[in-house]
């Protein structure tokens, strides 16, 4: 993971996640005001995608920690000094990537959707 990728995913969460939340809340409000039954598919999607993103993030973080530890051990055996900054960036990027990916896809999908 690159610092650029981390910045992209973090900015996605910072700017686009509130848009997704607003679109979904708007849909729920319109369903409540008009008396229509709420869109259960969207409600289920909100929950399941968060569970999947959390699981994916946990696996990615564990893999990034393992790679960082192995890389640090190999560098120390070769007489070098491992970079804690690079390892931290890789771990943070691994944690944020699944959420950023889903938020970007939700923005595309919800902005096309007609209410």
PDB file of N, CA and C in Angstrom:
ATOM      1  N   UNK A   1       0.837  -1.183   0.000  1.00  0.00           N
ATOM      2  CA  UNK A   1       0.000   0.000   0.000  1.00  0.00           C
ATOM      3  C   UNK A   1       0.878   1.241   0.000  1.00  0.00           C
ATOM      4  N   UNK A   2       0.411   2.214  -0.687  1.00  0.00           N
ATOM      5  CA  UNK A   2       1.164   3.454  -0.749  1.00  0.00           C
ATOM      6  C   UNK A   2       0.486   4.512   0.108  1.00  0.00           C
ATOM      7  N   UNK A   3       1.245   5.501   0.536  1.00  0.00           N
ATOM      8  CA  UNK A   3       0.619   6.609   1.268  1.00  0.00           C
ATOM      9  C   UNK A   3      -0.458   7.301   0.435  1.00  0.00           C
ATOM     10  N   UNK A   4      -0.281   7.294  -0.875  1.00  0.00           N
ATOM     11  CA  UNK A   4      -1.278   7.915  -1.756  1.00  0.00           C
ATOM     12  C   UNK A   4      -2.611   7.183  -1.668  1.00  0.00           C
ATOM     13  N   UNK A   5      -2.540   5.852  -1.649  1.00  0.00           N
ATOM     14  CA  UNK A   5      -3.760   5.045  -1.539  1.00  0.00           C
ATOM     15  C   UNK A   5      -4.447   5.301  -0.191  1.00  0.00           C
ATOM     16  N   UNK A   6      -3.659   5.411   0.855  1.00  0.00           N
ATOM     17  CA  UNK A   6      -4.211   5.703   2.176  1.00  0.00           C
ATOM     18  C   UNK A   6      -4.909   7.054   2.176  1.00  0.00           C
ATOM     19  N   UNK A   7      -4.285   8.056   1.578  1.00  0.00           N
ATOM     20  CA  UNK A   7      -4.903   9.382   1.504  1.00  0.00           C
ATOM     21  C   UNK A   7      -6.206   9.345   0.708  1.00  0.00           C
ATOM     22  N   UNK A   8      -6.215   8.574  -0.386  1.00  0.00           N
ATOM     23  CA  UNK A   8      -7.426   8.474  -1.212  1.00  0.00           C
ATOM     24  C   UNK A   8      -8.560   7.841  -0.418  1.00  0.00           C
ATOM     25  N   UNK A   9      -8.286   6.731   0.256  1.00  0.00           N
ATOM     26  CA  UNK A   9      -9.335   6.063   1.021  1.00  0.00           C
ATOM     27  C   UNK A   9      -9.793   6.904   2.205  1.00  0.00           C
ATOM     28  N   UNK A  10      -8.869   7.579   2.874  1.00  0.00           N
ATOM     29  CA  UNK A  10      -9.237   8.421   4.010  1.00  0.00           C
ATOM     30  C   UNK A  10     -10.079   9.610   3.553  1.00  0.00           C
ATOM     31  N   UNK A  11      -9.712  10.220   2.436  1.00  0.00           N
ATOM     32  CA  UNK A  11     -10.503  11.353   1.948  1.00  0.00           C
ATOM     33  C   UNK A  11     -11.872  10.888   1.461  1.00  0.00           C
ATOM     34  N   UNK A  12     -11.939   9.677   0.910  1.00  0.00           N
ATOM     35  CA  UNK A  12     -13.228   9.115   0.524  1.00  0.00           C
ATOM     36  C   UNK A  12     -14.132   9.002   1.736  1.00  0.00           C
ATOM     37  N   UNK A  13     -13.584   8.474   2.817  1.00  0.00           N
ATOM     38  CA  UNK A  13     -14.393   8.335   4.023  1.00  0.00           C
ATOM     39  C   UNK A  13     -14.782   9.691   4.588  1.00  0.00           C
ATOM     40  N   UNK A  14     -13.895  10.643   4.511  1.00  0.00           N
ATOM     41  CA  UNK A  14     -14.144  11.963   5.081  1.00  0.00           C
ATOM     42  C   UNK A  14     -15.215  12.733   4.301  1.00  0.00           C
ATOM     43  N   UNK A  15     -15.162  12.679   2.976  1.00  0.00           N
ATOM     44  CA  UNK A  15     -16.061  13.495   2.168  1.00  0.00           C
ATOM     45  C   UNK A  15     -17.276  12.743   1.627  1.00  0.00           C
ATOM     46  N   UNK A  16     -17.100  11.475   1.240  1.00  0.00           N
ATOM     47  CA  UNK A  16     -18.193  10.783   0.580  1.00  0.00           C
ATOM     48  C   UNK A  16     -19.085   9.979   1.528  1.00  0.00           C
ATOM     49  N   UNK A  17     -18.561   9.536   2.657  1.00  0.00           N
ATOM     50  CA  UNK A  17     -19.383   8.772   3.594  1.00  0.00           C
ATOM     51  C   UNK A  17     -20.579   9.584   4.100  1.00  0.00           C
ATOM     52  N   UNK A  18     -20.419  10.865   4.433  1.00  0.00           N
ATOM     53  CA  UNK A  18     -21.603  11.640   4.830  1.00  0.00           C
ATOM     54  C   UNK A  18     -22.646  11.749   3.713  1.00  0.00           C
ATOM     55  N   UNK A  19     -22.195  11.782   2.460  1.00  0.00           N
ATOM     56  CA  UNK A  19     -23.123  11.821   1.332  1.00  0.00           C
ATOM     57  C   UNK A  19     -23.949  10.539   1.280  1.00  0.00           C
ATOM     58  N   UNK A  20     -23.286   9.409   1.447  1.00  0.00           N
ATOM     59  CA  UNK A  20     -23.995   8.123   1.440  1.00  0.00           C
ATOM     60  C   UNK A  20     -25.000   8.074   2.585  1.00  0.00           C
ATOM     61  N   UNK A  21     -24.583   8.518   3.746  1.00  0.00           N
ATOM     62  CA  UNK A  21     -25.494   8.523   4.899  1.00  0.00           C
ATOM     63  C   UNK A  21     -26.697   9.427   4.634  1.00  0.00           C
ATOM     64  N   UNK A  22     -26.457  10.590   4.066  1.00  0.00           N
ATOM     65  CA  UNK A  22     -27.545  11.523   3.782  1.00  0.00           C
ATOM     66  C   UNK A  22     -28.520  10.947   2.766  1.00  0.00           C
ATOM     67  N   UNK A  23     -28.006  10.301   1.735  1.00  0.00           N
ATOM     68  CA  UNK A  23     -28.879   9.704   0.722  1.00  0.00           C
ATOM     69  C   UNK A  23     -29.737   8.601   1.329  1.00  0.00           C
ATOM     70  N   UNK A  24     -29.145   7.786   2.154  1.00  0.00           N
ATOM     71  CA  UNK A  24     -29.907   6.699   2.767  1.00  0.00           C
ATOM     72  C   UNK A  24     -30.940   7.231   3.761  1.00  0.00           C
ATOM     73  N   UNK A  25     -30.579   8.217   4.539  1.00  0.00           N
ATOM     74  CA  UNK A  25     -31.529   8.813   5.489  1.00  0.00           C
ATOM     75  C   UNK A  25     -32.676   9.477   4.738  1.00  0.00           C
ATOM     76  N   UNK A  26     -32.346  10.132   3.633  1.00  0.00           N
ATOM     77  CA  UNK A  26     -33.384  10.763   2.816  1.00  0.00           C
ATOM     78  C   UNK A  26     -34.378   9.716   2.313  1.00  0.00           C
ATOM     79  N   UNK A  27     -33.868   8.589   1.834  1.00  0.00           N
ATOM     80  CA  UNK A  27     -34.752   7.523   1.358  1.00  0.00           C
ATOM     81  C   UNK A  27     -35.643   7.003   2.480  1.00  0.00           C
ATOM     82  N   UNK A  28     -35.078   6.846   3.669  1.00  0.00           N
ATOM     83  CA  UNK A  28     -35.870   6.361   4.802  1.00  0.00           C
ATOM     84  C   UNK A  28     -36.943   7.382   5.189  1.00  0.00           C
ATOM     85  N   UNK A  29     -36.588   8.675   5.163  1.00  0.00           N
ATOM     86  CA  UNK A  29     -37.558   9.720   5.506  1.00  0.00           C
ATOM     87  C   UNK A  29     -38.689   9.780   4.491  1.00  0.00           C
ATOM     88  N   UNK A  30     -38.339   9.672   3.215  1.00  0.00           N
ATOM     89  CA  UNK A  30     -39.370   9.718   2.181  1.00  0.00           C
ATOM     90  C   UNK A  30     -40.301   8.527   2.296  1.00  0.00           C
ATOM     91  N   UNK A  31     -39.772   7.369   2.615  1.00  0.00           N
ATOM     92  CA  UNK A  31     -40.619   6.184   2.793  1.00  0.00           C
ATOM     93  C   UNK A  31     -41.540   6.366   3.983  1.00  0.00           C
ATOM     94  N   UNK A  32     -41.037   6.977   5.050  1.00  0.00           N
ATOM     95  CA  UNK A  32     -41.864   7.196   6.244  1.00  0.00           C
ATOM     96  C   UNK A  32     -42.941   8.248   5.975  1.00  0.00           C
ATOM     97  N   UNK A  33     -42.610   9.312   5.242  1.00  0.00           N
ATOM     98  CA  UNK A  33     -43.566  10.384   4.980  1.00  0.00           C
ATOM     99  C   UNK A  33     -44.663   9.979   4.002  1.00  0.00           C
ATOM    100  N   UNK A  34     -44.308   9.184   3.022  1.00  0.00           N
ATOM    101  CA  UNK A  34     -45.284   8.795   2.004  1.00  0.00           C
ATOM    102  C   UNK A  34     -46.089   7.575   2.403  1.00  0.00           C
ATOM    103  N   UNK A  35     -45.704   6.911   3.478  1.00  0.00           N
ATOM    104  CA  UNK A  35     -46.449   5.750   3.933  1.00  0.00           C
ATOM    105  C   UNK A  35     -46.066   4.462   3.233  1.00  0.00           C
ATOM    106  N   UNK A  36     -45.083   4.521   2.339  1.00  0.00           N
ATOM    107  CA  UNK A  36     -44.636   3.300   1.671  1.00  0.00           C
ATOM    108  C   UNK A  36     -43.840   2.463   2.663  1.00  0.00           C
ATOM    109  N   UNK A  37     -43.841   1.182   2.415  1.00  0.00           N
ATOM    110  CA  UNK A  37     -42.992   0.338   3.262  1.00  0.00           C
ATOM    111  C   UNK A  37     -41.538   0.646   2.922  1.00  0.00           C
ATOM    112  N   UNK A  38     -40.713   0.637   3.937  1.00  0.00           N
ATOM    113  CA  UNK A  38     -39.317   0.985   3.716  1.00  0.00           C
ATOM    114  C   UNK A  38     -38.628  -0.067   2.861  1.00  0.00           C
ATOM    115  N   UNK A  39     -37.631   0.355   2.165  1.00  0.00           N
ATOM    116  CA  UNK A  39     -36.870  -0.527   1.296  1.00  0.00           C
ATOM    117  C   UNK A  39     -35.995  -1.435   2.165  1.00  0.00           C
ATOM    118  N   UNK A  40     -36.465  -2.637   2.400  1.00  0.00           N
ATOM    119  CA  UNK A  40     -35.714  -3.552   3.268  1.00  0.00           C
ATOM    120  C   UNK A  40     -34.425  -4.013   2.616  1.00  0.00           C
ATOM    121  N   UNK A  41     -34.390  -4.044   1.298  1.00  0.00           N
ATOM    122  CA  UNK A  41     -33.159  -4.461   0.627  1.00  0.00           C
ATOM    123  C   UNK A  41     -32.025  -3.496   0.939  1.00  0.00           C
ATOM    124  N   UNK A  42     -32.317  -2.205   0.914  1.00  0.00           N
ATOM    125  CA  UNK A  42     -31.278  -1.202   1.220  1.00  0.00           C
ATOM    126  C   UNK A  42     -30.878  -1.270   2.686  1.00  0.00           C
ATOM    127  N   UNK A  43     -31.843  -1.504   3.554  1.00  0.00           N
ATOM    128  CA  UNK A  43     -31.529  -1.632   4.986  1.00  0.00           C
ATOM    129  C   UNK A  43     -30.614  -2.834   5.230  1.00  0.00           C
ATOM    130  N   UNK A  44     -30.969  -3.948   4.609  1.00  0.00           N
ATOM    131  CA  UNK A  44     -30.127  -5.141   4.757  1.00  0.00           C
ATOM    132  C   UNK A  44     -28.743  -4.921   4.167  1.00  0.00           C
ATOM    133  N   UNK A  45     -28.700  -4.217   3.057  1.00  0.00           N
ATOM    134  CA  UNK A  45     -27.417  -3.944   2.421  1.00  0.00           C
ATOM    135  C   UNK A  45     -26.523  -3.089   3.318  1.00  0.00           C
ATOM    136  N   UNK A  46     -27.118  -2.102   3.998  1.00  0.00           N
ATOM    137  CA  UNK A  46     -26.338  -1.245   4.898  1.00  0.00           C
ATOM    138  C   UNK A  46     -25.652  -2.083   5.963  1.00  0.00           C
ATOM    139  N   UNK A  47     -26.381  -3.023   6.537  1.00  0.00           N
ATOM    140  CA  UNK A  47     -25.827  -3.828   7.626  1.00  0.00           C
ATOM    141  C   UNK A  47     -24.811  -4.836   7.108  1.00  0.00           C
ATOM    142  N   UNK A  48     -25.181  -5.566   6.064  1.00  0.00           N
ATOM    143  CA  UNK A  48     -24.280  -6.631   5.586  1.00  0.00           C
ATOM    144  C   UNK A  48     -22.984  -6.075   5.021  1.00  0.00           C
ATOM    145  N   UNK A  49     -23.039  -4.934   4.345  1.00  0.00           N
ATOM    146  CA  UNK A  49     -21.794  -4.408   3.788  1.00  0.00           C
ATOM    147  C   UNK A  49     -20.847  -3.926   4.895  1.00  0.00           C
ATOM    148  N   UNK A  50     -21.403  -3.442   5.992  1.00  0.00           N
ATOM    149  CA  UNK A  50     -20.551  -3.029   7.107  1.00  0.00           C
ATOM    150  C   UNK A  50     -19.910  -4.230   7.776  1.00  0.00           C
ATOM    151  N   UNK A  51     -20.669  -5.314   7.920  1.00  0.00           N
ATOM    152  CA  UNK A  51     -20.116  -6.536   8.509  1.00  0.00           C
ATOM    153  C   UNK A  51     -19.018  -7.099   7.608  1.00  0.00           C
ATOM    154  N   UNK A  52     -19.278  -7.129   6.306  1.00  0.00           N
ATOM    155  CA  UNK A  52     -18.272  -7.647   5.371  1.00  0.00           C
ATOM    156  C   UNK A  52     -17.029  -6.761   5.348  1.00  0.00           C
ATOM    157  N   UNK A  53     -17.218  -5.449   5.360  1.00  0.00           N
ATOM    158  CA  UNK A  53     -16.071  -4.540   5.353  1.00  0.00           C
ATOM    159  C   UNK A  53     -15.253  -4.679   6.628  1.00  0.00           C
ATOM    160  N   UNK A  54     -15.921  -4.873   7.752  1.00  0.00           N
ATOM    161  CA  UNK A  54     -15.207  -5.047   9.014  1.00  0.00           C
ATOM    162  C   UNK A  54     -14.388  -6.323   9.001  1.00  0.00           C
ATOM    163  N   UNK A  55     -14.982  -7.409   8.519  1.00  0.00           N
ATOM    164  CA  UNK A  55     -14.250  -8.679   8.440  1.00  0.00           C
ATOM    165  C   UNK A  55     -13.076  -8.570   7.471  1.00  0.00           C
ATOM    166  N   UNK A  56     -13.310  -7.960   6.322  1.00  0.00           N
ATOM    167  CA  UNK A  56     -12.240  -7.792   5.333  1.00  0.00           C
ATOM    168  C   UNK A  56     -11.117  -6.919   5.890  1.00  0.00           C
ATOM    169  N   UNK A  57     -11.494  -5.875   6.607  1.00  0.00           N
ATOM    170  CA  UNK A  57     -10.507  -4.983   7.207  1.00  0.00           C
ATOM    171  C   UNK A  57      -9.683  -5.713   8.263  1.00  0.00           C
ATOM    172  N   UNK A  58     -10.331  -6.523   9.088  1.00  0.00           N
ATOM    173  CA  UNK A  58      -9.614  -7.257  10.130  1.00  0.00           C
ATOM    174  C   UNK A  58      -8.603  -8.230   9.525  1.00  0.00           C
ATOM    175  N   UNK A  59      -8.999  -8.928   8.482  1.00  0.00           N
ATOM    176  CA  UNK A  59      -8.078  -9.859   7.815  1.00  0.00           C
ATOM    177  C   UNK A  59      -6.924  -9.091   7.182  1.00  0.00           C
ATOM    178  N   UNK A  60      -7.236  -7.978   6.520  1.00  0.00           N
ATOM    179  CA  UNK A  60      -6.194  -7.188   5.860  1.00  0.00           C
ATOM    180  C   UNK A  60      -5.206  -6.608   6.869  1.00  0.00           C
ATOM    181  N   UNK A  61      -5.708  -6.155   8.019  1.00  0.00           N
ATOM    182  CA  UNK A  61      -4.827  -5.609   9.059  1.00  0.00           C
ATOM    183  C   UNK A  61      -3.916  -6.704   9.595  1.00  0.00           C
ATOM    184  N   UNK A  62      -4.470  -7.872   9.856  1.00  0.00           N
ATOM    185  CA  UNK A  62      -3.640  -8.972  10.351  1.00  0.00           C
ATOM    186  C   UNK A  62      -2.574  -9.374   9.347  1.00  0.00           C
ATOM    187  N   UNK A  63      -2.931  -9.397   8.077  1.00  0.00           N
ATOM    188  CA  UNK A  63      -1.942  -9.724   7.040  1.00  0.00           C
ATOM    189  C   UNK A  63      -0.868  -8.633   6.959  1.00  0.00           C
ATOM    190  N   UNK A  64      -1.266  -7.381   7.050  1.00  0.00           N
ATOM    191  CA  UNK A  64      -0.301  -6.277   6.986  1.00  0.00           C
ATOM    192  C   UNK A  64       0.641  -6.309   8.186  1.00  0.00           C
ATOM    193  N   UNK A  65       0.113  -6.633   9.362  1.00  0.00           N
ATOM    194  CA  UNK A  65       0.966  -6.744  10.550  1.00  0.00           C
ATOM    195  C   UNK A  65       1.955  -7.884  10.380  1.00  0.00           C
ATOM    196  N   UNK A  66       1.479  -9.012   9.864  1.00  0.00           N
ATOM    197  CA  UNK A  66       2.364 -10.156   9.644  1.00  0.00           C
ATOM    198  C   UNK A  66       3.469  -9.820   8.640  1.00  0.00           C
ATOM    199  N   UNK A  67       3.078  -9.156   7.540  1.00  0.00           N
ATOM    200  CA  UNK A  67       4.087  -8.763   6.539  1.00  0.00           C
ATOM    201  C   UNK A  67       5.096  -7.786   7.125  1.00  0.00           C
ATOM    202  N   UNK A  68       4.604  -6.829   7.914  1.00  0.00           N
ATOM    203  CA  UNK A  68       5.501  -5.838   8.515  1.00  0.00           C
ATOM    204  C   UNK A  68       6.461  -6.504   9.499  1.00  0.00           C
ATOM    205  N   UNK A  69       5.953  -7.426  10.302  1.00  0.00           N
ATOM    206  CA  UNK A  69       6.815  -8.113  11.270  1.00  0.00           C
ATOM    207  C   UNK A  69       7.853  -8.977  10.565  1.00  0.00           C
ATOM    208  N   UNK A  70       7.427  -9.689   9.529  1.00  0.00           N
ATOM    209  CA  UNK A  70       8.369 -10.520   8.781  1.00  0.00           C
ATOM    210  C   UNK A  70       9.416  -9.659   8.090  1.00  0.00           C
ATOM    211  N   UNK A  71       8.967  -8.567   7.468  1.00  0.00           N
ATOM    212  CA  UNK A  71       9.910  -7.672   6.793  1.00  0.00           C
ATOM    213  C   UNK A  71      10.892  -7.040   7.766  1.00  0.00           C
ATOM    214  N   UNK A  72      10.410  -6.666   8.944  1.00  0.00           N
ATOM    215  CA  UNK A  72      11.290  -6.075   9.954  1.00  0.00           C
ATOM    216  C   UNK A  72      12.310  -7.097  10.433  1.00  0.00           C
ATOM    217  N   UNK A  73      11.868  -8.318  10.644  1.00  0.00           N
ATOM    218  CA  UNK A  73      12.795  -9.366  11.084  1.00  0.00           C
ATOM    219  C   UNK A  73      13.860  -9.630  10.027  1.00  0.00           C
ATOM    220  N   UNK A  74      13.466  -9.668   8.773  1.00  0.00           N
ATOM    221  CA  UNK A  74      14.432  -9.915   7.697  1.00  0.00           C
ATOM    222  C   UNK A  74      15.425  -8.753   7.585  1.00  0.00           C
ATOM    223  N   UNK A  75      14.930  -7.519   7.735  1.00  0.00           N
ATOM    224  CA  UNK A  75      15.833  -6.372   7.666  1.00  0.00           C
ATOM    225  C   UNK A  75      16.818  -6.375   8.826  1.00  0.00           C
ATOM    226  N   UNK A  76      16.345  -6.706  10.017  1.00  0.00           N
ATOM    227  CA  UNK A  76      17.241  -6.723  11.183  1.00  0.00           C
ATOM    228  C   UNK A  76      18.266  -7.839  11.057  1.00  0.00           C
ATOM    229  N   UNK A  77      17.881  -8.969  10.488  1.00  0.00           N
ATOM    230  CA  UNK A  77      18.846 -10.062  10.288  1.00  0.00           C
ATOM    231  C   UNK A  77      19.904  -9.675   9.265  1.00  0.00           C
ATOM    232  N   UNK A  78      19.527  -8.811   8.328  1.00  0.00           N
ATOM    233  CA  UNK A  78      20.476  -8.361   7.314  1.00  0.00           C
ATOM    234  C   UNK A  78      21.276  -7.157   7.796  1.00  0.00           C
ATOM    235  N   UNK A  79      21.016  -6.708   9.025  1.00  0.00           N
ATOM    236  CA  UNK A  79      21.775  -5.597   9.580  1.00  0.00           C
ATOM    237  C   UNK A  79      21.167  -4.234   9.331  1.00  0.00           C
ATOM    238  N   UNK A  80      19.961  -4.176   8.817  1.00  0.00           N
ATOM    239  CA  UNK A  80      19.307  -2.899   8.538  1.00  0.00           C
ATOM    240  C   UNK A  80      18.380  -2.489   9.659  1.00  0.00           C
ATOM    241  N   UNK A  81      17.775  -1.329   9.462  1.00  0.00           N
ATOM    242  CA  UNK A  81      16.789  -0.831  10.427  1.00  0.00           C
ATOM    243  C   UNK A  81      15.436  -0.764   9.742  1.00  0.00           C
ATOM    244  N   UNK A  82      14.448  -1.457  10.278  1.00  0.00           N
ATOM    245  CA  UNK A  82      13.120  -1.413   9.659  1.00  0.00           C
ATOM    246  C   UNK A  82      12.453  -0.055   9.864  1.00  0.00           C
ATOM    247  N   UNK A  83      11.588   0.312   8.939  1.00  0.00           N
ATOM    248  CA  UNK A  83      10.885   1.593   9.001  1.00  0.00           C
ATOM    249  C   UNK A  83       9.520   1.397   9.655  1.00  0.00           C
ATOM    250  N   UNK A  84       9.369   1.938  10.838  1.00  0.00           N
ATOM    251  CA  UNK A  84       8.086   1.847  11.529  1.00  0.00           C
ATOM    252  C   UNK A  84       7.027   2.691  10.819  1.00  0.00           C
ATOM    253  N   UNK A  85       7.448   3.782  10.189  1.00  0.00           N
ATOM    254  CA  UNK A  85       6.504   4.650   9.492  1.00  0.00           C
ATOM    255  C   UNK A  85       5.868   3.916   8.316  1.00  0.00           C
ATOM    256  N   UNK A  86       6.682   3.240   7.519  1.00  0.00           N
ATOM    257  CA  UNK A  86       6.143   2.514   6.369  1.00  0.00           C
ATOM    258  C   UNK A  86       5.226   1.389   6.814  1.00  0.00           C
ATOM    259  N   UNK A  87       5.611   0.711   7.879  1.00  0.00           N
ATOM    260  CA  UNK A  87       4.770  -0.372   8.389  1.00  0.00           C
ATOM    261  C   UNK A  87       3.440   0.181   8.886  1.00  0.00           C
ATOM    262  N   UNK A  88       3.485   1.293   9.588  1.00  0.00           N
ATOM    263  CA  UNK A  88       2.254   1.913  10.090  1.00  0.00           C
ATOM    264  C   UNK A  88       1.336   2.366   8.975  1.00  0.00           C
ATOM    265  N   UNK A  89       1.920   2.940   7.929  1.00  0.00           N
ATOM    266  CA  UNK A  89       1.120   3.375   6.782  1.00  0.00           C
ATOM    267  C   UNK A  89       0.473   2.191   6.087  1.00  0.00           C
ATOM    268  N   UNK A  90       1.223   1.096   5.949  1.00  0.00           N
ATOM    269  CA  UNK A  90       0.674  -0.093   5.301  1.00  0.00           C
ATOM    270  C   UNK A  90      -0.468  -0.687   6.119  1.00  0.00           C
ATOM    271  N   UNK A  91      -0.326  -0.705   7.423  1.00  0.00           N
ATOM    272  CA  UNK A  91      -1.375  -1.248   8.285  1.00  0.00           C
ATOM    273  C   UNK A  91      -2.610  -0.354   8.253  1.00  0.00           C
ATOM    274  N   UNK A  92      -2.418   0.947   8.318  1.00  0.00           N
ATOM    275  CA  UNK A  92      -3.552   1.880   8.266  1.00  0.00           C
ATOM    276  C   UNK A  92      -4.264   1.795   6.918  1.00  0.00           C
ATOM    277  N   UNK A  93      -3.491   1.708   5.841  1.00  0.00           N
ATOM    278  CA  UNK A  93      -4.092   1.599   4.509  1.00  0.00           C
ATOM    279  C   UNK A  93      -4.894   0.307   4.378  1.00  0.00           C
ATOM    280  N   UNK A  94      -4.370  -0.772   4.942  1.00  0.00           N
ATOM    281  CA  UNK A  94      -5.093  -2.044   4.889  1.00  0.00           C
ATOM    282  C   UNK A  94      -6.396  -1.966   5.664  1.00  0.00           C
ATOM    283  N   UNK A  95      -6.400  -1.233   6.759  1.00  0.00           N
ATOM    284  CA  UNK A  95      -7.609  -1.109   7.580  1.00  0.00           C
ATOM    285  C   UNK A  95      -8.680  -0.270   6.893  1.00  0.00           C
ATOM    286  N   UNK A  96      -8.285   0.763   6.183  1.00  0.00           N
ATOM    287  CA  UNK A  96      -9.237   1.718   5.613  1.00  0.00           C
ATOM    288  C   UNK A  96      -9.728   1.309   4.222  1.00  0.00           C
ATOM    289  N   UNK A  97      -8.937   0.546   3.494  1.00  0.00           N
ATOM    290  CA  UNK A  97      -9.251   0.224   2.103  1.00  0.00           C
ATOM    291  C   UNK A  97     -10.634  -0.399   1.894  1.00  0.00           C
ATOM    292  N   UNK A  98     -11.051  -1.406   2.667  1.00  0.00           N
ATOM    293  CA  UNK A  98     -12.380  -1.987   2.415  1.00  0.00           C
ATOM    294  C   UNK A  98     -13.520  -0.990   2.590  1.00  0.00           C
ATOM    295  N   UNK A  99     -13.390  -0.093   3.530  1.00  0.00           N
ATOM    296  CA  UNK A  99     -14.435   0.901   3.752  1.00  0.00           C
ATOM    297  C   UNK A  99     -14.467   1.918   2.611  1.00  0.00           C
ATOM    298  N   UNK A 100     -13.292   2.373   2.189  1.00  0.00           N
ATOM    299  CA  UNK A 100     -13.233   3.334   1.086  1.00  0.00           C
ATOM    300  C   UNK A 100     -13.820   2.775  -0.191  1.00  0.00           C
ATOM    301  N   UNK A 101     -13.514   1.516  -0.468  1.00  0.00           N
ATOM    302  CA  UNK A 101     -14.022   0.868  -1.678  1.00  0.00           C
ATOM    303  C   UNK A 101     -15.551   0.812  -1.665  1.00  0.00           C
ATOM    304  N   UNK A 102     -16.120   0.457  -0.539  1.00  0.00           N
ATOM    305  CA  UNK A 102     -17.573   0.349  -0.452  1.00  0.00           C
ATOM    306  C   UNK A 102     -18.256   1.719  -0.482  1.00  0.00           C
ATOM    307  N   UNK A 103     -17.653   2.698   0.134  1.00  0.00           N
ATOM    308  CA  UNK A 103     -18.248   4.045   0.118  1.00  0.00           C
ATOM    309  C   UNK A 103     -18.262   4.591  -1.301  1.00  0.00           C
ATOM    310  N   UNK A 104     -17.156   4.414  -2.034  1.00  0.00           N
ATOM    311  CA  UNK A 104     -17.121   4.902  -3.420  1.00  0.00           C
ATOM    312  C   UNK A 104     -18.183   4.216  -4.275  1.00  0.00           C
ATOM    313  N   UNK A 105     -18.361   2.916  -4.108  1.00  0.00           N
ATOM    314  CA  UNK A 105     -19.378   2.213  -4.906  1.00  0.00           C
ATOM    315  C   UNK A 105     -20.780   2.650  -4.497  1.00  0.00           C
ATOM    316  N   UNK A 106     -21.005   2.917  -3.221  1.00  0.00           N
ATOM    317  CA  UNK A 106     -22.314   3.398  -2.782  1.00  0.00           C
ATOM    318  C   UNK A 106     -22.618   4.786  -3.317  1.00  0.00           C
ATOM    319  N   UNK A 107     -21.619   5.645  -3.368  1.00  0.00           N
ATOM    320  CA  UNK A 107     -21.832   6.987  -3.921  1.00  0.00           C
ATOM    321  C   UNK A 107     -22.266   6.878  -5.379  1.00  0.00           C
ATOM    322  N   UNK A 108     -21.573   6.049  -6.140  1.00  0.00           N
ATOM    323  CA  UNK A 108     -21.945   5.872  -7.549  1.00  0.00           C
ATOM    324  C   UNK A 108     -23.369   5.317  -7.675  1.00  0.00           C
ATOM    325  N   UNK A 109     -23.684   4.312  -6.899  1.00  0.00           N
ATOM    326  CA  UNK A 109     -24.983   3.657  -6.998  1.00  0.00           C
ATOM    327  C   UNK A 109     -26.112   4.569  -6.520  1.00  0.00           C
ATOM    328  N   UNK A 110     -25.934   5.218  -5.381  1.00  0.00           N
ATOM    329  CA  UNK A 110     -27.008   6.039  -4.833  1.00  0.00           C
ATOM    330  C   UNK A 110     -27.206   7.339  -5.609  1.00  0.00           C
ATOM    331  N   UNK A 111     -26.155   7.873  -6.223  1.00  0.00           N
ATOM    332  CA  UNK A 111     -26.322   9.114  -6.982  1.00  0.00           C
ATOM    333  C   UNK A 111     -27.064   8.860  -8.292  1.00  0.00           C
ATOM    334  N   UNK A 112     -27.037   7.634  -8.801  1.00  0.00           N
ATOM    335  CA  UNK A 112     -27.784   7.286 -10.004  1.00  0.00           C
ATOM    336  C   UNK A 112     -29.235   6.949  -9.691  1.00  0.00           C
ATOM    337  N   UNK A 113     -29.476   6.509  -8.477  1.00  0.00           N
ATOM    338  CA  UNK A 113     -30.791   6.024  -8.063  1.00  0.00           C
ATOM    339  C   UNK A 113     -31.805   7.162  -8.044  1.00  0.00           C
ATOM    340  N   UNK A 114     -32.978   6.880  -8.568  1.00  0.00           N
ATOM    341  CA  UNK A 114     -34.052   7.878  -8.567  1.00  0.00           C
ATOM    342  C   UNK A 114     -34.970   7.608  -7.388  1.00  0.00           C
ATOM    343  N   UNK A 115     -35.310   8.676  -6.676  1.00  0.00           N
ATOM    344  CA  UNK A 115     -36.167   8.544  -5.486  1.00  0.00           C
ATOM    345  C   UNK A 115     -37.620   8.517  -5.853  1.00  0.00           C
TER     346      UNK A 115
END
